[in-house]
N, C-alpha and C. Protein backbone atom coordinates (compact mmCIF):
# COMPACT_ATOMS: atom_id res chain seq x y z
N ARG A 1 86.12 116.41 102.32
CA ARG A 1 86.84 117.77 102.41
C ARG A 1 88.32 117.60 102.26
N SER A 2 88.92 118.35 101.71
CA SER A 2 90.47 118.62 101.51
C SER A 2 90.74 118.94 103.14
N GLY A 3 92.11 118.43 103.02
CA GLY A 3 92.98 118.54 104.42
C GLY A 3 94.03 119.15 104.01
N LEU A 4 95.35 118.77 104.40
CA LEU A 4 96.69 119.53 104.05
C LEU A 4 96.92 119.07 102.57
N SER A 5 97.59 120.20 101.83
CA SER A 5 98.23 120.04 100.48
C SER A 5 99.78 120.40 100.71
N PHE A 6 100.53 119.37 100.33
CA PHE A 6 102.12 119.57 100.51
C PHE A 6 102.50 119.14 99.32
N ARG A 7 103.90 119.56 99.14
CA ARG A 7 105.08 119.14 98.26
C ARG A 7 105.22 117.71 98.63
N ARG A 8 105.42 116.80 97.80
CA ARG A 8 105.94 115.35 97.99
C ARG A 8 107.42 115.50 97.83
N LYS A 9 107.66 114.33 98.66
CA LYS A 9 109.37 113.95 98.52
C LYS A 9 109.49 113.66 97.01
N GLY A 10 110.50 114.05 96.37
CA GLY A 10 110.87 113.65 95.00
C GLY A 10 109.97 114.24 93.99
N GLY A 11 109.37 115.22 94.44
CA GLY A 11 108.38 116.20 93.52
C GLY A 11 107.02 116.11 93.54
N GLY A 12 106.19 117.04 93.17
CA GLY A 12 104.78 116.82 92.92
C GLY A 12 104.16 117.14 94.17
N TRP A 13 102.82 117.21 93.85
CA TRP A 13 101.79 117.63 95.23
C TRP A 13 100.85 116.50 95.71
N CYS A 14 100.59 116.53 96.82
CA CYS A 14 99.57 115.59 97.62
C CYS A 14 98.81 116.50 98.52
N ARG A 15 97.78 115.70 98.77
CA ARG A 15 96.55 116.53 99.78
C ARG A 15 95.94 115.33 100.48
N SER A 16 95.87 115.61 101.72
CA SER A 16 95.03 114.65 102.58
C SER A 16 93.63 115.01 102.54
N PHE A 17 92.65 114.01 102.78
CA PHE A 17 91.17 114.30 102.63
C PHE A 17 90.56 113.52 103.66
N ASP A 18 89.45 113.86 104.14
CA ASP A 18 88.71 113.43 105.24
C ASP A 18 87.26 113.47 105.12
N GLY A 19 86.39 112.58 105.45
CA GLY A 19 84.99 112.73 105.35
C GLY A 19 84.44 111.17 105.54
N GLN A 20 83.56 110.59 104.62
CA GLN A 20 83.20 109.35 104.62
C GLN A 20 84.47 108.61 104.15
N VAL A 21 85.35 109.00 103.53
CA VAL A 21 86.49 108.25 103.41
C VAL A 21 87.65 109.19 103.50
N ALA A 22 88.90 108.79 104.44
CA ALA A 22 89.86 109.49 104.80
C ALA A 22 91.24 109.07 104.08
N GLY A 23 92.28 110.06 103.77
CA GLY A 23 93.26 109.42 102.80
C GLY A 23 94.31 110.39 102.47
N VAL A 24 95.02 109.80 101.38
CA VAL A 24 95.99 110.95 100.68
C VAL A 24 96.03 110.58 99.27
N ALA A 25 95.93 111.73 98.40
CA ALA A 25 96.13 111.45 96.90
C ALA A 25 96.89 112.50 96.57
N CYS A 26 97.91 111.96 95.43
CA CYS A 26 98.86 112.73 94.84
C CYS A 26 98.74 113.05 93.45
N ARG A 27 99.21 113.99 92.95
CA ARG A 27 98.96 114.59 91.75
C ARG A 27 99.95 113.60 90.82
N GLU A 28 99.18 113.22 89.83
CA GLU A 28 99.66 112.30 88.76
C GLU A 28 99.42 112.68 87.22
N GLY A 29 100.18 113.51 86.70
CA GLY A 29 99.73 113.90 85.21
C GLY A 29 98.63 114.93 85.37
N ALA A 30 97.40 114.66 84.81
CA ALA A 30 96.18 115.60 84.93
C ALA A 30 95.30 115.36 85.94
N GLY A 31 95.79 114.10 86.64
CA GLY A 31 94.65 113.80 87.80
C GLY A 31 95.48 113.76 89.02
N TRP A 32 94.56 113.00 90.06
CA TRP A 32 95.00 112.61 91.35
C TRP A 32 94.96 111.13 91.52
N GLN A 33 96.12 110.64 92.02
CA GLN A 33 96.13 109.08 92.34
C GLN A 33 95.96 108.90 93.84
N VAL A 34 94.95 108.16 94.49
CA VAL A 34 94.85 107.80 95.58
C VAL A 34 96.10 106.94 96.09
N GLN A 35 96.65 107.34 97.13
CA GLN A 35 97.78 106.62 97.85
C GLN A 35 97.38 105.87 98.95
N GLN A 36 96.15 106.45 99.61
CA GLN A 36 95.54 105.68 100.73
C GLN A 36 94.25 106.16 100.86
N ALA A 37 93.21 105.33 101.19
CA ALA A 37 91.78 105.38 101.43
C ALA A 37 91.33 104.38 102.74
N LEU A 38 90.86 105.20 103.49
CA LEU A 38 90.43 104.22 104.86
C LEU A 38 88.87 104.97 105.02
N PRO A 39 88.24 104.19 105.93
CA PRO A 39 86.97 104.53 106.30
C PRO A 39 87.12 105.82 107.21
N GLY A 40 86.26 107.05 106.75
CA GLY A 40 86.50 108.23 107.47
C GLY A 40 85.44 108.24 108.44
N ALA A 41 85.50 109.29 109.15
CA ALA A 41 84.92 109.82 110.39
C ALA A 41 83.34 110.11 110.25
N GLY A 42 83.03 110.24 108.74
CA GLY A 42 81.75 110.85 108.27
C GLY A 42 81.69 112.43 108.09
N ALA A 43 80.30 112.88 108.17
CA ALA A 43 80.49 114.31 108.29
C ALA A 43 81.32 115.04 109.22
N THR A 44 81.71 116.23 108.89
CA THR A 44 82.49 116.94 109.65
C THR A 44 81.92 118.32 109.93
N PRO A 45 82.31 119.04 111.14
CA PRO A 45 81.93 120.61 111.43
C PRO A 45 82.27 121.30 110.18
N ALA A 46 81.67 122.46 109.95
CA ALA A 46 81.94 123.10 108.84
C ALA A 46 83.49 123.89 109.09
N TYR A 47 83.82 124.24 110.28
CA TYR A 47 85.02 124.40 110.62
C TYR A 47 86.14 123.54 111.32
N ARG A 48 87.08 123.35 110.81
CA ARG A 48 88.02 122.23 111.67
C ARG A 48 89.48 122.72 111.03
N GLN A 49 90.47 122.43 111.89
CA GLN A 49 91.80 122.46 111.45
C GLN A 49 92.22 121.68 110.39
N ALA A 50 92.94 122.22 109.35
CA ALA A 50 93.02 121.39 108.09
C ALA A 50 94.32 120.25 108.29
N SER A 51 93.75 119.21 108.97
CA SER A 51 94.44 118.09 109.15
C SER A 51 93.46 116.85 109.24
N SER A 52 94.20 115.74 109.20
CA SER A 52 93.36 114.41 109.48
C SER A 52 93.24 114.08 110.91
N SER A 53 92.15 113.47 111.45
CA SER A 53 91.95 113.03 112.75
C SER A 53 92.67 111.48 112.90
N ASP A 54 92.76 110.82 111.82
CA ASP A 54 93.15 109.51 111.80
C ASP A 54 94.85 109.61 111.70
N VAL A 55 95.25 108.92 112.43
CA VAL A 55 96.59 108.91 112.79
C VAL A 55 97.33 108.02 111.58
N ARG A 56 96.61 107.28 111.02
CA ARG A 56 97.17 106.37 109.91
C ARG A 56 97.56 107.28 108.72
N VAL A 57 96.50 108.42 108.32
CA VAL A 57 96.61 109.35 107.45
C VAL A 57 97.78 110.06 107.50
N MET A 58 97.78 110.66 108.85
CA MET A 58 98.75 111.62 109.21
C MET A 58 100.21 111.01 109.17
N ALA A 59 100.35 109.61 109.22
CA ALA A 59 101.48 108.90 109.21
C ALA A 59 102.06 109.20 107.84
N THR A 60 100.93 108.69 106.88
CA THR A 60 101.29 108.70 105.41
C THR A 60 101.75 110.29 104.94
N VAL A 61 101.11 111.14 105.51
CA VAL A 61 101.42 112.43 105.02
C VAL A 61 102.90 112.70 105.72
N GLU A 62 103.27 112.24 106.79
CA GLU A 62 104.69 112.38 107.27
C GLU A 62 105.77 111.83 106.30
N ALA A 63 105.29 110.49 105.95
CA ALA A 63 106.21 109.80 104.96
C ALA A 63 106.30 110.26 103.76
N LEU A 64 105.42 111.37 103.23
CA LEU A 64 105.54 111.65 102.05
C LEU A 64 105.83 113.16 102.13
N ILE A 65 105.75 113.94 102.83
CA ILE A 65 105.78 115.43 102.93
C ILE A 65 107.20 115.89 102.92
N ASP A 66 107.59 116.79 102.01
CA ASP A 66 108.67 117.38 101.98
C ASP A 66 108.61 119.07 102.22
N GLY A 67 108.81 119.35 103.69
CA GLY A 67 108.85 120.60 103.82
C GLY A 67 107.55 120.97 104.68
N ALA A 68 107.11 121.97 104.69
CA ALA A 68 105.73 122.34 105.46
C ALA A 68 104.68 122.37 104.55
N PRO A 69 103.35 122.16 104.91
CA PRO A 69 102.36 122.08 104.37
C PRO A 69 102.05 123.37 103.83
N LEU A 70 101.22 123.48 102.64
CA LEU A 70 100.68 124.75 102.05
C LEU A 70 99.91 125.52 102.86
N ASP A 71 100.07 126.95 103.14
CA ASP A 71 99.11 127.65 103.40
C ASP A 71 98.08 128.22 102.38
N ALA A 72 97.02 128.90 102.88
CA ALA A 72 95.94 129.02 101.63
C ALA A 72 96.52 129.74 100.52
N ALA A 73 97.55 130.74 100.77
CA ALA A 73 98.17 131.58 99.48
C ALA A 73 99.13 130.58 98.70
N GLY A 74 99.73 129.57 99.35
CA GLY A 74 100.47 128.65 98.58
C GLY A 74 99.56 127.74 97.89
N GLU A 75 98.32 127.36 98.34
CA GLU A 75 97.62 126.27 97.94
C GLU A 75 96.93 127.06 96.63
N GLU A 76 96.51 128.25 96.57
CA GLU A 76 96.08 129.19 95.52
C GLU A 76 97.00 129.47 94.38
N SER A 77 98.48 129.33 94.69
CA SER A 77 99.35 129.57 93.62
C SER A 77 99.53 128.15 92.88
N ALA A 78 99.46 127.10 93.74
CA ALA A 78 99.76 125.74 93.25
C ALA A 78 98.57 125.44 92.33
N ARG A 79 97.44 125.70 92.75
CA ARG A 79 96.03 125.52 91.91
C ARG A 79 96.22 126.45 90.52
N ALA A 80 96.57 127.51 90.70
CA ALA A 80 96.58 128.39 89.79
C ALA A 80 97.59 127.86 88.43
N ALA A 81 98.60 127.31 89.18
CA ALA A 81 99.71 126.73 88.30
C ALA A 81 99.41 125.41 87.55
N GLY A 82 98.10 124.94 88.00
CA GLY A 82 97.71 123.58 87.45
C GLY A 82 98.40 122.54 88.44
N TRP A 83 98.85 122.71 89.35
CA TRP A 83 99.67 121.63 90.31
C TRP A 83 100.68 121.27 89.80
N ARG A 84 101.54 122.16 89.06
CA ARG A 84 102.71 121.89 88.42
C ARG A 84 104.10 122.46 89.26
């Protein structure tokens, strides 16, 4: 499950994710490069706040993020632009 999507310091985009594996991946060229991967909490309820419950993942997000995370409209715009 995708969590936060955000602009990375120095440019580019990253996303946190949670599920069987939790972590952070950042856009590199045409794909995503995993920056961190940890054992996740497993299946999650259908509705949860868009963040990770793992403090290590959130620490990585805090180290990488430039500004505020994207809201739904911002994420849709980034997707439509091919995450450029």
